Amino acid sequence: MDNVMPATPVMVRNRQRSDMEKAALSSKTYEVAEYHYRQGLMTELEYRWFKFFWTWSAVRFAATAGRKHDRAFDRLGTTLYHKRIAKVRRMIARIVYNEQKRWDVQVAEYNAKVANIPA
């Protein structure tokens, strides 16, 4: 084995993610995300994606998100309004699924490399 230290799963997990992926995988509340953005811990693009996912991943009734939902409901009707929410949920699910799949593949590759078993 060469002198290169193999990547640990933690090192592999910390790969660069796009702002959209970071926002979709975030478990922050809206207030925490807003605070992190104001403190410079989130990029503007990541914050905008977070707001988009937060606004459209569920039916919202209050504040700005509620007004957007009211306008969308009036303009689209019941069926298309719920299709829009379902579309955003599918988008988030696809990002989460791809992240999990990528993680599983990388862990399998790491385990094979450590055990000298071909992947």
PDB file of N, CA and C in Angstrom:
ATOM      1  N   MET A   1       0.857  -1.180   0.000  1.00  0.00           N
ATOM      2  CA  MET A   1       0.000   0.000   0.000  1.00  0.00           C
ATOM      3  C   MET A   1       0.896   1.234   0.000  1.00  0.00           C
ATOM      4  N   ASP A   2       0.509   2.235  -0.795  1.00  0.00           N
ATOM      5  CA  ASP A   2       1.329   3.442  -0.844  1.00  0.00           C
ATOM      6  C   ASP A   2       1.179   4.273   0.425  1.00  0.00           C
ATOM      7  N   ASN A   3       1.988   5.298   0.538  1.00  0.00           N
ATOM      8  CA  ASN A   3       2.007   6.114   1.748  1.00  0.00           C
ATOM      9  C   ASN A   3       0.865   7.117   1.838  1.00  0.00           C
ATOM     10  N   VAL A   4      -0.056   7.053   0.925  1.00  0.00           N
ATOM     11  CA  VAL A   4      -1.189   7.975   0.953  1.00  0.00           C
ATOM     12  C   VAL A   4      -2.225   7.432   1.922  1.00  0.00           C
ATOM     13  N   MET A   5      -2.620   8.286   2.853  1.00  0.00           N
ATOM     14  CA  MET A   5      -3.629   7.876   3.825  1.00  0.00           C
ATOM     15  C   MET A   5      -4.994   7.842   3.135  1.00  0.00           C
ATOM     16  N   PRO A   6      -5.713   6.722   3.227  1.00  0.00           N
ATOM     17  CA  PRO A   6      -7.017   6.658   2.573  1.00  0.00           C
ATOM     18  C   PRO A   6      -7.991   7.631   3.234  1.00  0.00           C
ATOM     19  N   ALA A   7      -8.915   8.105   2.452  1.00  0.00           N
ATOM     20  CA  ALA A   7      -9.910   9.046   2.982  1.00  0.00           C
ATOM     21  C   ALA A   7     -10.835   8.317   3.936  1.00  0.00           C
ATOM     22  N   THR A   8     -11.089   8.914   5.056  1.00  0.00           N
ATOM     23  CA  THR A   8     -12.041   8.340   6.001  1.00  0.00           C
ATOM     24  C   THR A   8     -13.436   8.733   5.554  1.00  0.00           C
ATOM     25  N   PRO A   9     -14.467   8.021   5.993  1.00  0.00           N
ATOM     26  CA  PRO A   9     -15.821   8.410   5.618  1.00  0.00           C
ATOM     27  C   PRO A   9     -16.135   9.858   5.986  1.00  0.00           C
ATOM     28  N   VAL A  10     -15.593  10.343   7.084  1.00  0.00           N
ATOM     29  CA  VAL A  10     -15.852  11.728   7.485  1.00  0.00           C
ATOM     30  C   VAL A  10     -15.254  12.680   6.466  1.00  0.00           C
ATOM     31  N   MET A  11     -14.037  12.391   5.991  1.00  0.00           N
ATOM     32  CA  MET A  11     -13.395  13.242   5.002  1.00  0.00           C
ATOM     33  C   MET A  11     -14.180  13.206   3.687  1.00  0.00           C
ATOM     34  N   VAL A  12     -14.665  12.042   3.323  1.00  0.00           N
ATOM     35  CA  VAL A  12     -15.426  11.905   2.087  1.00  0.00           C
ATOM     36  C   VAL A  12     -16.749  12.647   2.214  1.00  0.00           C
ATOM     37  N   ARG A  13     -17.346  12.574   3.369  1.00  0.00           N
ATOM     38  CA  ARG A  13     -18.651  13.200   3.602  1.00  0.00           C
ATOM     39  C   ARG A  13     -18.575  14.712   3.475  1.00  0.00           C
ATOM     40  N   ASN A  14     -17.429  15.301   3.758  1.00  0.00           N
ATOM     41  CA  ASN A  14     -17.305  16.751   3.754  1.00  0.00           C
ATOM     42  C   ASN A  14     -16.920  17.308   2.387  1.00  0.00           C
ATOM     43  N   ARG A  15     -17.335  16.664   1.321  1.00  0.00           N
ATOM     44  CA  ARG A  15     -17.031  17.176  -0.004  1.00  0.00           C
ATOM     45  C   ARG A  15     -17.767  18.499  -0.224  1.00  0.00           C
ATOM     46  N   GLN A  16     -17.357  19.232  -1.257  1.00  0.00           N
ATOM     47  CA  GLN A  16     -18.003  20.498  -1.568  1.00  0.00           C
ATOM     48  C   GLN A  16     -19.409  20.221  -2.074  1.00  0.00           C
ATOM     49  N   ARG A  17     -20.375  20.852  -1.499  1.00  0.00           N
ATOM     50  CA  ARG A  17     -21.752  20.741  -1.961  1.00  0.00           C
ATOM     51  C   ARG A  17     -22.166  22.054  -2.601  1.00  0.00           C
ATOM     52  N   SER A  18     -23.114  21.976  -3.508  1.00  0.00           N
ATOM     53  CA  SER A  18     -23.648  23.204  -4.090  1.00  0.00           C
ATOM     54  C   SER A  18     -24.531  23.890  -3.054  1.00  0.00           C
ATOM     55  N   ASP A  19     -24.806  25.166  -3.287  1.00  0.00           N
ATOM     56  CA  ASP A  19     -25.663  25.906  -2.364  1.00  0.00           C
ATOM     57  C   ASP A  19     -27.059  25.302  -2.307  1.00  0.00           C
ATOM     58  N   MET A  20     -27.552  24.799  -3.445  1.00  0.00           N
ATOM     59  CA  MET A  20     -28.864  24.181  -3.466  1.00  0.00           C
ATOM     60  C   MET A  20     -28.872  22.919  -2.614  1.00  0.00           C
ATOM     61  N   GLU A  21     -27.828  22.088  -2.721  1.00  0.00           N
ATOM     62  CA  GLU A  21     -27.748  20.873  -1.913  1.00  0.00           C
ATOM     63  C   GLU A  21     -27.666  21.211  -0.433  1.00  0.00           C
ATOM     64  N   LYS A  22     -26.843  22.202  -0.084  1.00  0.00           N
ATOM     65  CA  LYS A  22     -26.725  22.596   1.322  1.00  0.00           C
ATOM     66  C   LYS A  22     -28.073  23.021   1.876  1.00  0.00           C
ATOM     67  N   ALA A  23     -28.797  23.806   1.087  1.00  0.00           N
ATOM     68  CA  ALA A  23     -30.101  24.283   1.550  1.00  0.00           C
ATOM     69  C   ALA A  23     -31.097  23.143   1.695  1.00  0.00           C
ATOM     70  N   ALA A  24     -31.114  22.217   0.738  1.00  0.00           N
ATOM     71  CA  ALA A  24     -32.062  21.100   0.778  1.00  0.00           C
ATOM     72  C   ALA A  24     -31.755  20.141   1.922  1.00  0.00           C
ATOM     73  N   LEU A  25     -30.470  19.977   2.247  1.00  0.00           N
ATOM     74  CA  LEU A  25     -30.071  19.048   3.302  1.00  0.00           C
ATOM     75  C   LEU A  25     -30.069  19.691   4.680  1.00  0.00           C
ATOM     76  N   SER A  26     -30.356  20.975   4.731  1.00  0.00           N
ATOM     77  CA  SER A  26     -30.303  21.700   6.002  1.00  0.00           C
ATOM     78  C   SER A  26     -31.465  21.306   6.909  1.00  0.00           C
ATOM     79  N   SER A  27     -31.181  21.216   8.189  1.00  0.00           N
ATOM     80  CA  SER A  27     -32.241  20.930   9.157  1.00  0.00           C
ATOM     81  C   SER A  27     -32.505  22.150  10.035  1.00  0.00           C
ATOM     82  N   LYS A  28     -32.086  23.318   9.548  1.00  0.00           N
ATOM     83  CA  LYS A  28     -32.251  24.546  10.320  1.00  0.00           C
ATOM     84  C   LYS A  28     -33.702  25.018  10.293  1.00  0.00           C
ATOM     85  N   THR A  29     -34.063  25.769  11.325  1.00  0.00           N
ATOM     86  CA  THR A  29     -35.341  26.458  11.280  1.00  0.00           C
ATOM     87  C   THR A  29     -35.152  27.726  10.467  1.00  0.00           C
ATOM     88  N   TYR A  30     -36.258  28.356  10.102  1.00  0.00           N
ATOM     89  CA  TYR A  30     -36.172  29.571   9.302  1.00  0.00           C
ATOM     90  C   TYR A  30     -35.410  30.660  10.061  1.00  0.00           C
ATOM     91  N   GLU A  31     -35.663  30.781  11.360  1.00  0.00           N
ATOM     92  CA  GLU A  31     -35.006  31.816  12.165  1.00  0.00           C
ATOM     93  C   GLU A  31     -33.498  31.577  12.252  1.00  0.00           C
ATOM     94  N   VAL A  32     -33.094  30.323  12.439  1.00  0.00           N
ATOM     95  CA  VAL A  32     -31.664  30.004  12.526  1.00  0.00           C
ATOM     96  C   VAL A  32     -30.981  30.273  11.189  1.00  0.00           C
ATOM     97  N   ALA A  33     -31.630  29.896  10.093  1.00  0.00           N
ATOM     98  CA  ALA A  33     -31.057  30.153   8.772  1.00  0.00           C
ATOM     99  C   ALA A  33     -30.902  31.654   8.530  1.00  0.00           C
ATOM    100  N   GLU A  34     -31.905  32.419   8.918  1.00  0.00           N
ATOM    101  CA  GLU A  34     -31.827  33.873   8.751  1.00  0.00           C
ATOM    102  C   GLU A  34     -30.696  34.459   9.599  1.00  0.00           C
ATOM    103  N   TYR A  35     -30.557  33.966  10.813  1.00  0.00           N
ATOM    104  CA  TYR A  35     -29.476  34.428  11.694  1.00  0.00           C
ATOM    105  C   TYR A  35     -28.111  34.076  11.093  1.00  0.00           C
ATOM    106  N   HIS A  36     -27.966  32.845  10.604  1.00  0.00           N
ATOM    107  CA  HIS A  36     -26.697  32.428   9.995  1.00  0.00           C
ATOM    108  C   HIS A  36     -26.373  33.258   8.758  1.00  0.00           C
ATOM    109  N   TYR A  37     -27.394  33.588   7.985  1.00  0.00           N
ATOM    110  CA  TYR A  37     -27.166  34.421   6.807  1.00  0.00           C
ATOM    111  C   TYR A  37     -26.682  35.811   7.229  1.00  0.00           C
ATOM    112  N   ARG A  38     -27.329  36.380   8.224  1.00  0.00           N
ATOM    113  CA  ARG A  38     -26.940  37.725   8.691  1.00  0.00           C
ATOM    114  C   ARG A  38     -25.550  37.736   9.320  1.00  0.00           C
ATOM    115  N   GLN A  39     -25.141  36.605   9.894  1.00  0.00           N
ATOM    116  CA  GLN A  39     -23.814  36.515  10.495  1.00  0.00           C
ATOM    117  C   GLN A  39     -22.737  36.130   9.484  1.00  0.00           C
ATOM    118  N   GLY A  40     -23.140  35.871   8.249  1.00  0.00           N
ATOM    119  CA  GLY A  40     -22.175  35.513   7.210  1.00  0.00           C
ATOM    120  C   GLY A  40     -21.812  34.033   7.185  1.00  0.00           C
ATOM    121  N   LEU A  41     -22.605  33.193   7.850  1.00  0.00           N
ATOM    122  CA  LEU A  41     -22.331  31.757   7.885  1.00  0.00           C
ATOM    123  C   LEU A  41     -22.976  31.010   6.718  1.00  0.00           C
ATOM    124  N   MET A  42     -23.846  31.695   5.972  1.00  0.00           N
ATOM    125  CA  MET A  42     -24.489  31.136   4.783  1.00  0.00           C
ATOM    126  C   MET A  42     -24.281  32.117   3.642  1.00  0.00           C
ATOM    127  N   THR A  43     -24.086  31.582   2.447  1.00  0.00           N
ATOM    128  CA  THR A  43     -23.991  32.472   1.293  1.00  0.00           C
ATOM    129  C   THR A  43     -25.394  32.968   0.938  1.00  0.00           C
ATOM    130  N   GLU A  44     -25.447  34.025   0.158  1.00  0.00           N
ATOM    131  CA  GLU A  44     -26.747  34.558  -0.241  1.00  0.00           C
ATOM    132  C   GLU A  44     -27.524  33.544  -1.071  1.00  0.00           C
ATOM    133  N   LEU A  45     -26.830  32.853  -1.967  1.00  0.00           N
ATOM    134  CA  LEU A  45     -27.492  31.865  -2.809  1.00  0.00           C
ATOM    135  C   LEU A  45     -28.029  30.697  -1.977  1.00  0.00           C
ATOM    136  N   GLU A  46     -27.246  30.254  -1.013  1.00  0.00           N
ATOM    137  CA  GLU A  46     -27.710  29.169  -0.139  1.00  0.00           C
ATOM    138  C   GLU A  46     -28.942  29.611   0.655  1.00  0.00           C
ATOM    139  N   TYR A  47     -28.922  30.846   1.134  1.00  0.00           N
ATOM    140  CA  TYR A  47     -30.064  31.376   1.889  1.00  0.00           C
ATOM    141  C   TYR A  47     -31.305  31.483   1.000  1.00  0.00           C
ATOM    142  N   ARG A  48     -31.123  31.910  -0.240  1.00  0.00           N
ATOM    143  CA  ARG A  48     -32.263  32.028  -1.153  1.00  0.00           C
ATOM    144  C   ARG A  48     -32.848  30.658  -1.474  1.00  0.00           C
ATOM    145  N   TRP A  49     -31.984  29.652  -1.679  1.00  0.00           N
ATOM    146  CA  TRP A  49     -32.483  28.299  -1.898  1.00  0.00           C
ATOM    147  C   TRP A  49     -33.203  27.788  -0.653  1.00  0.00           C
ATOM    148  N   PHE A  50     -32.620  28.061   0.522  1.00  0.00           N
ATOM    149  CA  PHE A  50     -33.265  27.632   1.761  1.00  0.00           C
ATOM    150  C   PHE A  50     -34.657  28.234   1.863  1.00  0.00           C
ATOM    151  N   LYS A  51     -34.797  29.536   1.604  1.00  0.00           N
ATOM    152  CA  LYS A  51     -36.110  30.190   1.670  1.00  0.00           C
ATOM    153  C   LYS A  51     -37.081  29.571   0.669  1.00  0.00           C
ATOM    154  N   PHE A  52     -36.579  29.272  -0.528  1.00  0.00           N
ATOM    155  CA  PHE A  52     -37.438  28.641  -1.537  1.00  0.00           C
ATOM    156  C   PHE A  52     -37.937  27.288  -1.052  1.00  0.00           C
ATOM    157  N   PHE A  53     -37.016  26.434  -0.595  1.00  0.00           N
ATOM    158  CA  PHE A  53     -37.412  25.107  -0.119  1.00  0.00           C
ATOM    159  C   PHE A  53     -38.330  25.220   1.095  1.00  0.00           C
ATOM    160  N   TRP A  54     -38.025  26.118   2.012  1.00  0.00           N
ATOM    161  CA  TRP A  54     -38.849  26.280   3.210  1.00  0.00           C
ATOM    162  C   TRP A  54     -40.240  26.761   2.838  1.00  0.00           C
ATOM    163  N   THR A  55     -40.305  27.713   1.922  1.00  0.00           N
ATOM    164  CA  THR A  55     -41.591  28.289   1.544  1.00  0.00           C
ATOM    165  C   THR A  55     -42.484  27.274   0.840  1.00  0.00           C
ATOM    166  N   TRP A  56     -41.913  26.499  -0.067  1.00  0.00           N
ATOM    167  CA  TRP A  56     -42.742  25.648  -0.918  1.00  0.00           C
ATOM    168  C   TRP A  56     -42.734  24.169  -0.559  1.00  0.00           C
ATOM    169  N   SER A  57     -42.105  23.764   0.528  1.00  0.00           N
ATOM    170  CA  SER A  57     -42.096  22.340   0.876  1.00  0.00           C
ATOM    171  C   SER A  57     -43.324  21.931   1.677  1.00  0.00           C
ATOM    172  N   ALA A  58     -44.123  22.888   2.091  1.00  0.00           N
ATOM    173  CA  ALA A  58     -45.340  22.603   2.847  1.00  0.00           C
ATOM    174  C   ALA A  58     -46.312  23.762   2.670  1.00  0.00           C
ATOM    175  N   VAL A  59     -47.546  23.536   3.027  1.00  0.00           N
ATOM    176  CA  VAL A  59     -48.539  24.607   2.974  1.00  0.00           C
ATOM    177  C   VAL A  59     -48.212  25.586   4.099  1.00  0.00           C
ATOM    178  N   ARG A  60     -48.097  26.858   3.762  1.00  0.00           N
ATOM    179  CA  ARG A  60     -47.771  27.903   4.749  1.00  0.00           C
ATOM    180  C   ARG A  60     -48.913  28.908   4.798  1.00  0.00           C
ATOM    181  N   PHE A  61     -49.228  29.403   6.006  1.00  0.00           N
ATOM    182  CA  PHE A  61     -50.335  30.340   6.162  1.00  0.00           C
ATOM    183  C   PHE A  61     -49.913  31.701   6.682  1.00  0.00           C
ATOM    184  N   ALA A  62     -48.711  31.832   7.199  1.00  0.00           N
ATOM    185  CA  ALA A  62     -48.337  33.070   7.880  1.00  0.00           C
ATOM    186  C   ALA A  62     -47.287  33.854   7.106  1.00  0.00           C
ATOM    187  N   ALA A  63     -47.268  35.145   7.338  1.00  0.00           N
ATOM    188  CA  ALA A  63     -46.246  36.072   6.860  1.00  0.00           C
ATOM    189  C   ALA A  63     -46.080  36.033   5.340  1.00  0.00           C
ATOM    190  N   THR A  64     -44.865  36.271   4.876  1.00  0.00           N
ATOM    191  CA  THR A  64     -44.581  36.365   3.447  1.00  0.00           C
ATOM    192  C   THR A  64     -44.893  35.063   2.723  1.00  0.00           C
ATOM    193  N   ALA A  65     -44.519  33.940   3.322  1.00  0.00           N
ATOM    194  CA  ALA A  65     -44.787  32.643   2.692  1.00  0.00           C
ATOM    195  C   ALA A  65     -46.291  32.435   2.527  1.00  0.00           C
ATOM    196  N   GLY A  66     -47.062  32.839   3.510  1.00  0.00           N
ATOM    197  CA  GLY A  66     -48.515  32.709   3.427  1.00  0.00           C
ATOM    198  C   GLY A  66     -49.097  33.538   2.298  1.00  0.00           C
ATOM    199  N   ARG A  67     -48.587  34.746   2.125  1.00  0.00           N
ATOM    200  CA  ARG A  67     -49.072  35.592   1.022  1.00  0.00           C
ATOM    201  C   ARG A  67     -48.706  34.993  -0.330  1.00  0.00           C
ATOM    202  N   LYS A  68     -47.490  34.433  -0.443  1.00  0.00           N
ATOM    203  CA  LYS A  68     -47.097  33.772  -1.694  1.00  0.00           C
ATOM    204  C   LYS A  68     -48.012  32.584  -1.977  1.00  0.00           C
ATOM    205  N   HIS A  69     -48.327  31.833  -0.940  1.00  0.00           N
ATOM    206  CA  HIS A  69     -49.199  30.672  -1.103  1.00  0.00           C
ATOM    207  C   HIS A  69     -50.601  31.110  -1.494  1.00  0.00           C
ATOM    208  N   ASP A  70     -51.104  32.178  -0.884  1.00  0.00           N
ATOM    209  CA  ASP A  70     -52.436  32.681  -1.234  1.00  0.00           C
ATOM    210  C   ASP A  70     -52.497  33.087  -2.704  1.00  0.00           C
ATOM    211  N   ARG A  71     -51.473  33.822  -3.160  1.00  0.00           N
ATOM    212  CA  ARG A  71     -51.446  34.255  -4.565  1.00  0.00           C
ATOM    213  C   ARG A  71     -51.355  33.046  -5.498  1.00  0.00           C
ATOM    214  N   ALA A  72     -50.500  32.091  -5.140  1.00  0.00           N
ATOM    215  CA  ALA A  72     -50.350  30.895  -5.981  1.00  0.00           C
ATOM    216  C   ALA A  72     -51.642  30.092  -6.020  1.00  0.00           C
ATOM    217  N   PHE A  73     -52.307  29.962  -4.889  1.00  0.00           N
ATOM    218  CA  PHE A  73     -53.558  29.211  -4.828  1.00  0.00           C
ATOM    219  C   PHE A  73     -54.615  29.884  -5.691  1.00  0.00           C
ATOM    220  N   ASP A  74     -54.714  31.216  -5.592  1.00  0.00           N
ATOM    221  CA  ASP A  74     -55.695  31.952  -6.403  1.00  0.00           C
ATOM    222  C   ASP A  74     -55.393  31.832  -7.889  1.00  0.00           C
ATOM    223  N   ARG A  75     -54.131  31.892  -8.239  1.00  0.00           N
ATOM    224  CA  ARG A  75     -53.724  31.869  -9.644  1.00  0.00           C
ATOM    225  C   ARG A  75     -53.788  30.455 -10.232  1.00  0.00           C
ATOM    226  N   LEU A  76     -53.367  29.443  -9.457  1.00  0.00           N
ATOM    227  CA  LEU A  76     -53.229  28.089  -9.992  1.00  0.00           C
ATOM    228  C   LEU A  76     -54.439  27.193  -9.764  1.00  0.00           C
ATOM    229  N   GLY A  77     -55.134  27.415  -8.709  1.00  0.00           N
ATOM    230  CA  GLY A  77     -56.212  26.507  -8.337  1.00  0.00           C
ATOM    231  C   GLY A  77     -55.684  25.403  -7.426  1.00  0.00           C
ATOM    232  N   THR A  78     -56.590  24.616  -6.897  1.00  0.00           N
ATOM    233  CA  THR A  78     -56.235  23.601  -5.908  1.00  0.00           C
ATOM    234  C   THR A  78     -55.251  22.556  -6.442  1.00  0.00           C
ATOM    235  N   THR A  79     -55.544  21.989  -7.590  1.00  0.00           N
ATOM    236  CA  THR A  79     -54.734  20.899  -8.123  1.00  0.00           C
ATOM    237  C   THR A  79     -53.304  21.333  -8.414  1.00  0.00           C
ATOM    238  N   LEU A  80     -53.150  22.417  -9.172  1.00  0.00           N
ATOM    239  CA  LEU A  80     -51.806  22.868  -9.536  1.00  0.00           C
ATOM    240  C   LEU A  80     -51.035  23.406  -8.330  1.00  0.00           C
ATOM    241  N   TYR A  81     -51.751  23.985  -7.382  1.00  0.00           N
ATOM    242  CA  TYR A  81     -51.104  24.467  -6.160  1.00  0.00           C
ATOM    243  C   TYR A  81     -50.455  23.294  -5.413  1.00  0.00           C
ATOM    244  N   HIS A  82     -51.192  22.215  -5.249  1.00  0.00           N
ATOM    245  CA  HIS A  82     -50.649  21.051  -4.545  1.00  0.00           C
ATOM    246  C   HIS A  82     -49.583  20.337  -5.377  1.00  0.00           C
ATOM    247  N   LYS A  83     -49.698  20.399  -6.705  1.00  0.00           N
ATOM    248  CA  LYS A  83     -48.651  19.838  -7.560  1.00  0.00           C
ATOM    249  C   LYS A  83     -47.348  20.608  -7.391  1.00  0.00           C
ATOM    250  N   ARG A  84     -47.438  21.921  -7.215  1.00  0.00           N
ATOM    251  CA  ARG A  84     -46.228  22.730  -7.013  1.00  0.00           C
ATOM    252  C   ARG A  84     -45.524  22.308  -5.721  1.00  0.00           C
ATOM    253  N   ILE A  85     -46.277  22.135  -4.656  1.00  0.00           N
ATOM    254  CA  ILE A  85     -45.689  21.702  -3.387  1.00  0.00           C
ATOM    255  C   ILE A  85     -45.084  20.304  -3.534  1.00  0.00           C
ATOM    256  N   ALA A  86     -45.774  19.413  -4.228  1.00  0.00           N
ATOM    257  CA  ALA A  86     -45.264  18.049  -4.439  1.00  0.00           C
ATOM    258  C   ALA A  86     -43.986  18.076  -5.271  1.00  0.00           C
ATOM    259  N   LYS A  87     -43.925  18.974  -6.256  1.00  0.00           N
ATOM    260  CA  LYS A  87     -42.733  19.071  -7.100  1.00  0.00           C
ATOM    261  C   LYS A  87     -41.514  19.482  -6.279  1.00  0.00           C
ATOM    262  N   VAL A  88     -41.682  20.451  -5.376  1.00  0.00           N
ATOM    263  CA  VAL A  88     -40.569  20.884  -4.525  1.00  0.00           C
ATOM    264  C   VAL A  88     -40.162  19.766  -3.582  1.00  0.00           C
ATOM    265  N   ARG A  89     -41.133  19.048  -3.044  1.00  0.00           N
ATOM    266  CA  ARG A  89     -40.808  17.918  -2.166  1.00  0.00           C
ATOM    267  C   ARG A  89     -40.030  16.838  -2.908  1.00  0.00           C
ATOM    268  N   ARG A  90     -40.416  16.560  -4.163  1.00  0.00           N
ATOM    269  CA  ARG A  90     -39.674  15.581  -4.969  1.00  0.00           C
ATOM    270  C   ARG A  90     -38.250  16.056  -5.226  1.00  0.00           C
ATOM    271  N   MET A  91     -38.104  17.359  -5.457  1.00  0.00           N
ATOM    272  CA  MET A  91     -36.777  17.933  -5.689  1.00  0.00           C
ATOM    273  C   MET A  91     -35.888  17.724  -4.461  1.00  0.00           C
ATOM    274  N   ILE A  92     -36.423  17.998  -3.284  1.00  0.00           N
ATOM    275  CA  ILE A  92     -35.673  17.799  -2.038  1.00  0.00           C
ATOM    276  C   ILE A  92     -35.364  16.316  -1.848  1.00  0.00           C
ATOM    277  N   ALA A  93     -36.356  15.463  -2.091  1.00  0.00           N
ATOM    278  CA  ALA A  93     -36.152  14.018  -1.917  1.00  0.00           C
ATOM    279  C   ALA A  93     -35.071  13.499  -2.861  1.00  0.00           C
ATOM    280  N   ARG A  94     -35.039  14.003  -4.098  1.00  0.00           N
ATOM    281  CA  ARG A  94     -34.023  13.573  -5.058  1.00  0.00           C
ATOM    282  C   ARG A  94     -32.634  13.979  -4.582  1.00  0.00           C
ATOM    283  N   ILE A  95     -32.497  15.189  -4.046  1.00  0.00           N
ATOM    284  CA  ILE A  95     -31.198  15.642  -3.537  1.00  0.00           C
ATOM    285  C   ILE A  95     -30.761  14.788  -2.358  1.00  0.00           C
ATOM    286  N   VAL A  96     -31.684  14.524  -1.434  1.00  0.00           N
ATOM    287  CA  VAL A  96     -31.367  13.710  -0.262  1.00  0.00           C
ATOM    288  C   VAL A  96     -31.027  12.286  -0.686  1.00  0.00           C
ATOM    289  N   TYR A  97     -31.796  11.713  -1.638  1.00  0.00           N
ATOM    290  CA  TYR A  97     -31.533  10.352  -2.110  1.00  0.00           C
ATOM    291  C   TYR A  97     -30.160  10.269  -2.775  1.00  0.00           C
ATOM    292  N   ASN A  98     -29.848  11.229  -3.646  1.00  0.00           N
ATOM    293  CA  ASN A  98     -28.550  11.224  -4.323  1.00  0.00           C
ATOM    294  C   ASN A  98     -27.410  11.363  -3.331  1.00  0.00           C
ATOM    295  N   GLU A  99     -27.597  12.179  -2.307  1.00  0.00           N
ATOM    296  CA  GLU A  99     -26.566  12.349  -1.286  1.00  0.00           C
ATOM    297  C   GLU A  99     -26.341  11.033  -0.544  1.00  0.00           C
ATOM    298  N   GLN A 100     -27.435  10.341  -0.190  1.00  0.00           N
ATOM    299  CA  GLN A 100     -27.316   9.063   0.518  1.00  0.00           C
ATOM    300  C   GLN A 100     -26.661   8.018  -0.375  1.00  0.00           C
ATOM    301  N   LYS A 101     -27.056   7.985  -1.657  1.00  0.00           N
ATOM    302  CA  LYS A 101     -26.476   7.027  -2.590  1.00  0.00           C
ATOM    303  C   LYS A 101     -24.975   7.279  -2.766  1.00  0.00           C
ATOM    304  N   ARG A 102     -24.620   8.547  -2.924  1.00  0.00           N
ATOM    305  CA  ARG A 102     -23.204   8.910  -3.073  1.00  0.00           C
ATOM    306  C   ARG A 102     -22.436   8.505  -1.825  1.00  0.00           C
ATOM    307  N   TRP A 103     -23.009   8.739  -0.672  1.00  0.00           N
ATOM    308  CA  TRP A 103     -22.379   8.383   0.600  1.00  0.00           C
ATOM    309  C   TRP A 103     -22.179   6.873   0.696  1.00  0.00           C
ATOM    310  N   ASP A 104     -23.208   6.089   0.335  1.00  0.00           N
ATOM    311  CA  ASP A 104     -23.107   4.633   0.393  1.00  0.00           C
ATOM    312  C   ASP A 104     -22.009   4.111  -0.528  1.00  0.00           C
ATOM    313  N   VAL A 105     -21.918   4.660  -1.731  1.00  0.00           N
ATOM    314  CA  VAL A 105     -20.892   4.240  -2.683  1.00  0.00           C
ATOM    315  C   VAL A 105     -19.508   4.578  -2.151  1.00  0.00           C
ATOM    316  N   GLN A 106     -19.348   5.768  -1.601  1.00  0.00           N
ATOM    317  CA  GLN A 106     -18.042   6.186  -1.101  1.00  0.00           C
ATOM    318  C   GLN A 106     -17.615   5.371   0.108  1.00  0.00           C
ATOM    319  N   VAL A 107     -18.547   5.031   0.975  1.00  0.00           N
ATOM    320  CA  VAL A 107     -18.214   4.191   2.133  1.00  0.00           C
ATOM    321  C   VAL A 107     -17.828   2.792   1.664  1.00  0.00           C
ATOM    322  N   ALA A 108     -18.550   2.255   0.678  1.00  0.00           N
ATOM    323  CA  ALA A 108     -18.215   0.926   0.148  1.00  0.00           C
ATOM    324  C   ALA A 108     -16.823   0.933  -0.486  1.00  0.00           C
ATOM    325  N   GLU A 109     -16.515   1.989  -1.231  1.00  0.00           N
ATOM    326  CA  GLU A 109     -15.184   2.105  -1.832  1.00  0.00           C
ATOM    327  C   GLU A 109     -14.109   2.202  -0.759  1.00  0.00           C
ATOM    328  N   TYR A 110     -14.392   2.972   0.270  1.00  0.00           N
ATOM    329  CA  TYR A 110     -13.433   3.123   1.371  1.00  0.00           C
ATOM    330  C   TYR A 110     -13.205   1.781   2.077  1.00  0.00           C
ATOM    331  N   ASN A 111     -14.290   1.067   2.370  1.00  0.00           N
ATOM    332  CA  ASN A 111     -14.177  -0.224   3.057  1.00  0.00           C
ATOM    333  C   ASN A 111     -13.409  -1.224   2.194  1.00  0.00           C
ATOM    334  N   ALA A 112     -13.659  -1.214   0.875  1.00  0.00           N
ATOM    335  CA  ALA A 112     -12.963  -2.125  -0.024  1.00  0.00           C
ATOM    336  C   ALA A 112     -11.479  -1.795  -0.076  1.00  0.00           C
ATOM    337  N   LYS A 113     -11.162  -0.517  -0.078  1.00  0.00           N
ATOM    338  CA  LYS A 113      -9.767  -0.104  -0.129  1.00  0.00           C
ATOM    339  C   LYS A 113      -9.033  -0.510   1.145  1.00  0.00           C
ATOM    340  N   VAL A 114      -9.680  -0.338   2.278  1.00  0.00           N
ATOM    341  CA  VAL A 114      -9.072  -0.684   3.554  1.00  0.00           C
ATOM    342  C   VAL A 114      -8.884  -2.192   3.667  1.00  0.00           C
ATOM    343  N   ALA A 115      -9.835  -2.956   3.191  1.00  0.00           N
ATOM    344  CA  ALA A 115      -9.759  -4.414   3.300  1.00  0.00           C
ATOM    345  C   ALA A 115      -9.055  -5.057   2.106  1.00  0.00           C
ATOM    346  N   ASN A 116      -8.565  -4.235   1.169  1.00  0.00           N
ATOM    347  CA  ASN A 116      -7.919  -4.714  -0.050  1.00  0.00           C
ATOM    348  C   ASN A 116      -8.794  -5.657  -0.851  1.00  0.00           C
ATOM    349  N   ILE A 117     -10.074  -5.382  -0.841  1.00  0.00           N
ATOM    350  CA  ILE A 117     -11.034  -6.149  -1.625  1.00  0.00           C
ATOM    351  C   ILE A 117     -11.436  -5.272  -2.804  1.00  0.00           C
ATOM    352  N   PRO A 118     -11.391  -5.772  -4.017  1.00  0.00           N
ATOM    353  CA  PRO A 118     -11.795  -4.942  -5.164  1.00  0.00           C
ATOM    354  C   PRO A 118     -13.266  -4.531  -5.040  1.00  0.00           C
ATOM    355  N   ALA A 119     -13.536  -3.292  -5.371  1.00  0.00           N
ATOM    356  CA  ALA A 119     -14.895  -2.762  -5.229  1.00  0.00           C
ATOM    357  C   ALA A 119     -15.826  -3.275  -6.295  1.00  0.00           C
TER     358      ALA A 119
END
